[in-house]
Amino acid sequence: MLDQIILIDDDNIVNVINTKFINKLLPDVNVKSFDSGEKGLVYLISMQDSLKKTLVFLDIICRL
């Protein structure tokens, strides 16, 4: 089982909707959201010694 899920998306409304959805499906999993890749990366680096099982959803937009 997962310990936490991390959402990284620059659209805060998407983060709120996804957090509510995940909390309904997986109420025992901690959900953290970040509005930039840099903030998410800082958090991930800070917890690199943690033994938490973590799933990361990253919004990637490729603009040509």
N, C-alpha and C. Protein backbone atom coordinates (compact mmCIF):
# COMPACT_ATOMS: atom_id res chain seq x y z
N MET A 1 0.84 -1.19 0.00
CA MET A 1 0.00 0.00 0.00
C MET A 1 0.88 1.24 0.00
N LEU A 2 0.38 2.29 -0.59
CA LEU A 2 1.10 3.57 -0.67
C LEU A 2 1.02 4.33 0.65
N ASP A 3 2.06 5.10 0.93
CA ASP A 3 2.05 6.00 2.08
C ASP A 3 1.60 7.40 1.67
N GLN A 4 2.00 7.81 0.46
CA GLN A 4 1.63 9.14 0.03
C GLN A 4 1.60 9.24 -1.49
N ILE A 5 0.82 10.21 -1.95
CA ILE A 5 0.75 10.54 -3.37
C ILE A 5 1.08 12.02 -3.50
N ILE A 6 1.93 12.34 -4.46
CA ILE A 6 2.32 13.71 -4.71
C ILE A 6 1.78 14.13 -6.07
N LEU A 7 1.09 15.26 -6.09
CA LEU A 7 0.55 15.82 -7.33
C LEU A 7 1.35 17.08 -7.65
N ILE A 8 1.84 17.17 -8.89
CA ILE A 8 2.57 18.36 -9.31
C ILE A 8 1.89 18.87 -10.58
N ASP A 9 1.24 20.02 -10.45
CA ASP A 9 0.51 20.61 -11.57
C ASP A 9 0.41 22.11 -11.33
N ASP A 10 0.64 22.91 -12.36
CA ASP A 10 0.57 24.35 -12.20
C ASP A 10 -0.86 24.88 -12.13
N ASP A 11 -1.83 24.01 -12.37
CA ASP A 11 -3.24 24.39 -12.28
C ASP A 11 -3.78 23.95 -10.93
N ASN A 12 -3.97 24.90 -10.02
CA ASN A 12 -4.39 24.57 -8.66
C ASN A 12 -5.76 23.92 -8.61
N ILE A 13 -6.65 24.26 -9.52
CA ILE A 13 -7.98 23.64 -9.55
C ILE A 13 -7.86 22.15 -9.83
N VAL A 14 -6.98 21.79 -10.74
CA VAL A 14 -6.74 20.38 -11.04
C VAL A 14 -6.21 19.67 -9.80
N ASN A 15 -5.31 20.31 -9.07
CA ASN A 15 -4.77 19.70 -7.85
C ASN A 15 -5.86 19.49 -6.81
N VAL A 16 -6.75 20.46 -6.65
CA VAL A 16 -7.84 20.34 -5.66
C VAL A 16 -8.77 19.19 -6.05
N ILE A 17 -9.17 19.15 -7.31
CA ILE A 17 -10.08 18.09 -7.78
C ILE A 17 -9.43 16.71 -7.61
N ASN A 18 -8.19 16.59 -8.04
CA ASN A 18 -7.50 15.30 -7.93
C ASN A 18 -7.30 14.89 -6.48
N THR A 19 -6.99 15.84 -5.61
CA THR A 19 -6.83 15.53 -4.18
C THR A 19 -8.13 14.99 -3.60
N LYS A 20 -9.24 15.64 -3.89
CA LYS A 20 -10.54 15.18 -3.38
C LYS A 20 -10.87 13.78 -3.92
N PHE A 21 -10.60 13.57 -5.19
CA PHE A 21 -10.86 12.27 -5.81
C PHE A 21 -10.02 11.17 -5.15
N ILE A 22 -8.74 11.43 -4.98
CA ILE A 22 -7.85 10.44 -4.37
C ILE A 22 -8.24 10.18 -2.92
N ASN A 23 -8.59 11.24 -2.18
CA ASN A 23 -8.99 11.07 -0.78
C ASN A 23 -10.24 10.20 -0.64
N LYS A 24 -11.15 10.27 -1.60
CA LYS A 24 -12.33 9.40 -1.55
C LYS A 24 -11.97 7.95 -1.85
N LEU A 25 -11.07 7.75 -2.82
CA LEU A 25 -10.69 6.39 -3.19
C LEU A 25 -9.71 5.75 -2.21
N LEU A 26 -8.79 6.55 -1.71
CA LEU A 26 -7.72 6.05 -0.83
C LEU A 26 -7.62 6.93 0.41
N PRO A 27 -8.57 6.82 1.33
CA PRO A 27 -8.60 7.73 2.48
C PRO A 27 -7.40 7.60 3.42
N ASP A 28 -6.68 6.50 3.39
CA ASP A 28 -5.54 6.32 4.29
C ASP A 28 -4.22 6.83 3.70
N VAL A 29 -4.26 7.32 2.47
CA VAL A 29 -3.05 7.78 1.80
C VAL A 29 -2.96 9.30 1.92
N ASN A 30 -1.79 9.78 2.34
CA ASN A 30 -1.54 11.21 2.45
C ASN A 30 -1.32 11.79 1.05
N VAL A 31 -2.01 12.88 0.72
CA VAL A 31 -1.87 13.52 -0.59
C VAL A 31 -1.26 14.90 -0.39
N LYS A 32 -0.19 15.16 -1.13
CA LYS A 32 0.44 16.47 -1.12
C LYS A 32 0.42 17.00 -2.55
N SER A 33 0.17 18.29 -2.70
CA SER A 33 0.17 18.86 -4.04
C SER A 33 1.08 20.08 -4.09
N PHE A 34 1.67 20.28 -5.25
CA PHE A 34 2.58 21.40 -5.48
C PHE A 34 2.22 22.04 -6.81
N ASP A 35 2.38 23.37 -6.89
CA ASP A 35 2.01 24.07 -8.11
C ASP A 35 3.19 24.34 -9.04
N SER A 36 4.34 23.75 -8.72
CA SER A 36 5.49 23.86 -9.63
C SER A 36 6.39 22.64 -9.46
N GLY A 37 7.08 22.32 -10.52
CA GLY A 37 8.02 21.21 -10.46
C GLY A 37 9.14 21.46 -9.47
N GLU A 38 9.56 22.72 -9.37
CA GLU A 38 10.64 23.06 -8.45
C GLU A 38 10.24 22.80 -6.99
N LYS A 39 9.02 23.20 -6.61
CA LYS A 39 8.55 22.97 -5.25
C LYS A 39 8.42 21.47 -4.96
N GLY A 40 7.91 20.74 -5.94
CA GLY A 40 7.78 19.29 -5.78
C GLY A 40 9.13 18.62 -5.63
N LEU A 41 10.09 19.07 -6.43
CA LEU A 41 11.44 18.50 -6.37
C LEU A 41 12.11 18.79 -5.04
N VAL A 42 11.95 20.01 -4.53
CA VAL A 42 12.52 20.36 -3.22
C VAL A 42 11.95 19.43 -2.15
N TYR A 43 10.64 19.19 -2.21
CA TYR A 43 10.02 18.29 -1.23
C TYR A 43 10.58 16.87 -1.38
N LEU A 44 10.66 16.38 -2.60
CA LEU A 44 11.16 15.02 -2.82
C LEU A 44 12.60 14.87 -2.34
N ILE A 45 13.43 15.87 -2.59
CA ILE A 45 14.81 15.82 -2.12
C ILE A 45 14.86 15.81 -0.59
N SER A 46 13.97 16.58 0.04
CA SER A 46 13.97 16.65 1.50
C SER A 46 13.56 15.34 2.15
N MET A 47 12.82 14.51 1.42
CA MET A 47 12.37 13.24 2.00
C MET A 47 13.09 12.04 1.39
N GLN A 48 14.23 12.26 0.76
CA GLN A 48 14.92 11.17 0.07
C GLN A 48 15.38 10.05 1.00
N ASP A 49 15.56 10.32 2.27
CA ASP A 49 15.95 9.28 3.21
C ASP A 49 14.76 8.58 3.84
N SER A 50 13.57 9.02 3.48
CA SER A 50 12.34 8.45 4.03
C SER A 50 12.08 7.08 3.39
N LEU A 51 11.42 6.24 4.14
CA LEU A 51 11.06 4.92 3.62
C LEU A 51 9.61 4.89 3.13
N LYS A 52 9.02 6.07 2.95
CA LYS A 52 7.63 6.14 2.49
C LYS A 52 7.51 5.68 1.04
N LYS A 53 6.48 4.89 0.80
CA LYS A 53 6.16 4.48 -0.57
C LYS A 53 5.37 5.62 -1.19
N THR A 54 5.92 6.21 -2.26
CA THR A 54 5.36 7.43 -2.82
C THR A 54 5.09 7.26 -4.31
N LEU A 55 3.92 7.73 -4.72
CA LEU A 55 3.55 7.78 -6.13
C LEU A 55 3.47 9.25 -6.52
N VAL A 56 4.11 9.61 -7.64
CA VAL A 56 4.13 11.00 -8.09
C VAL A 56 3.39 11.11 -9.42
N PHE A 57 2.42 12.04 -9.46
CA PHE A 57 1.74 12.38 -10.70
C PHE A 57 2.26 13.75 -11.12
N LEU A 58 2.89 13.81 -12.29
CA LEU A 58 3.52 15.03 -12.77
C LEU A 58 2.85 15.46 -14.07
N ASP A 59 2.36 16.70 -14.08
CA ASP A 59 1.77 17.27 -15.28
C ASP A 59 2.90 17.82 -16.15
N ILE A 60 3.02 17.28 -17.34
CA ILE A 60 4.07 17.73 -18.26
C ILE A 60 3.41 18.26 -19.52
N ILE A 61 3.74 19.48 -19.86
CA ILE A 61 3.22 20.08 -21.09
C ILE A 61 4.39 20.30 -22.02
N CYS A 62 4.27 19.80 -23.21
CA CYS A 62 5.32 19.97 -24.21
C CYS A 62 4.80 20.96 -25.25
N ARG A 63 5.40 22.12 -25.26
CA ARG A 63 5.00 23.15 -26.22
C ARG A 63 6.05 23.22 -27.32
N LEU A 64 5.59 23.13 -28.52
CA LEU A 64 6.51 23.17 -29.66
C LEU A 64 6.52 24.55 -30.29
